[in-house]
Amino acid sequence: MLILSRRESERVHLGDDIVLTIVRVNGDKVRIGVEAPPHVKILRTELEVSAQDIKPVHEQKNARRAA
């Protein structure tokens, strides 16, 4: 893992088309802006775990019919 120190308004480039910008630092919180092409999936880790637990609606309906 690469660890960087950045200040507000400083940027980090990932590859050719992703840019992270430190928007604001307030105490122990950092606000980060992400610029990326539409095909790049950006998801906070805590939401990724929740999204894996959620079944698509069509799977929920099929499960009810089988019961």
Protein backbone atom coordinates (compact mmCIF):
# COMPACT_ATOMS: atom_id res chain seq x y z
CA MET A 1 0.00 0.00 0.00
CA LEU A 2 1.29 3.43 -0.93
CA ILE A 3 0.73 6.05 1.79
CA LEU A 4 0.80 9.73 0.83
CA SER A 5 0.54 13.00 2.71
CA ARG A 6 -1.53 15.62 0.90
CA ARG A 7 -2.91 19.05 1.76
CA GLU A 8 -6.17 20.64 0.69
CA SER A 9 -6.42 21.20 -3.07
CA GLU A 10 -3.56 18.78 -3.80
CA ARG A 11 -4.19 15.95 -6.24
CA VAL A 12 -3.15 12.38 -6.89
CA HIS A 13 -3.37 10.87 -10.39
CA LEU A 14 -4.17 7.17 -10.76
CA GLY A 15 -3.32 5.99 -14.23
CA ASP A 16 -4.25 8.23 -17.13
CA ASP A 17 -7.84 9.08 -16.30
CA ILE A 18 -8.50 9.05 -12.53
CA VAL A 19 -7.75 12.03 -10.29
CA LEU A 20 -8.24 12.23 -6.52
CA THR A 21 -8.42 15.74 -5.06
CA ILE A 22 -8.21 16.53 -1.34
CA VAL A 23 -11.14 18.93 -1.09
CA ARG A 24 -11.16 19.57 2.66
CA VAL A 25 -9.47 18.42 5.84
CA ASN A 26 -11.45 19.03 9.02
CA GLY A 27 -10.08 17.40 12.19
CA ASP A 28 -10.02 13.64 11.61
CA LYS A 29 -12.16 13.79 8.45
CA VAL A 30 -10.95 14.22 4.89
CA ARG A 31 -13.24 15.10 2.00
CA ILE A 32 -11.98 13.62 -1.26
CA GLY A 33 -13.15 14.42 -4.79
CA VAL A 34 -12.89 11.69 -7.42
CA GLU A 35 -12.77 12.36 -11.16
CA ALA A 36 -13.10 9.18 -13.21
CA PRO A 37 -14.69 7.99 -16.43
CA PRO A 38 -18.28 6.71 -16.19
CA HIS A 39 -17.26 3.05 -16.58
CA VAL A 40 -15.16 3.15 -13.37
CA LYS A 41 -17.10 1.83 -10.37
CA ILE A 42 -16.58 3.99 -7.27
CA LEU A 43 -18.11 2.63 -4.07
CA ARG A 44 -17.32 3.25 -0.41
CA THR A 45 -16.29 0.03 1.34
CA GLU A 46 -19.17 0.10 3.84
CA LEU A 47 -21.65 0.38 0.97
CA GLU A 48 -19.97 -2.40 -1.00
CA VAL A 49 -20.61 -4.87 1.82
CA SER A 50 -24.27 -3.79 2.03
CA ALA A 51 -24.71 -4.03 -1.74
CA GLN A 52 -23.50 -7.65 -1.71
CA ASP A 53 -26.20 -8.54 0.84
CA ILE A 54 -29.00 -7.08 -1.28
CA LYS A 55 -30.53 -9.42 -3.84
CA PRO A 56 -31.93 -7.99 -7.07
CA VAL A 57 -35.74 -7.68 -7.09
CA HIS A 58 -36.20 -10.53 -9.60
CA GLU A 59 -34.29 -12.92 -7.31
CA GLN A 60 -36.49 -11.94 -4.35
CA LYS A 61 -39.68 -12.65 -6.34
CA ASN A 62 -38.40 -16.04 -7.52
CA ALA A 63 -37.50 -17.02 -3.94
CA ARG A 64 -41.06 -16.24 -2.78
CA ARG A 65 -42.60 -18.33 -5.58
CA ALA A 66 -40.43 -21.31 -4.69
CA ALA A 67 -41.52 -21.22 -1.05
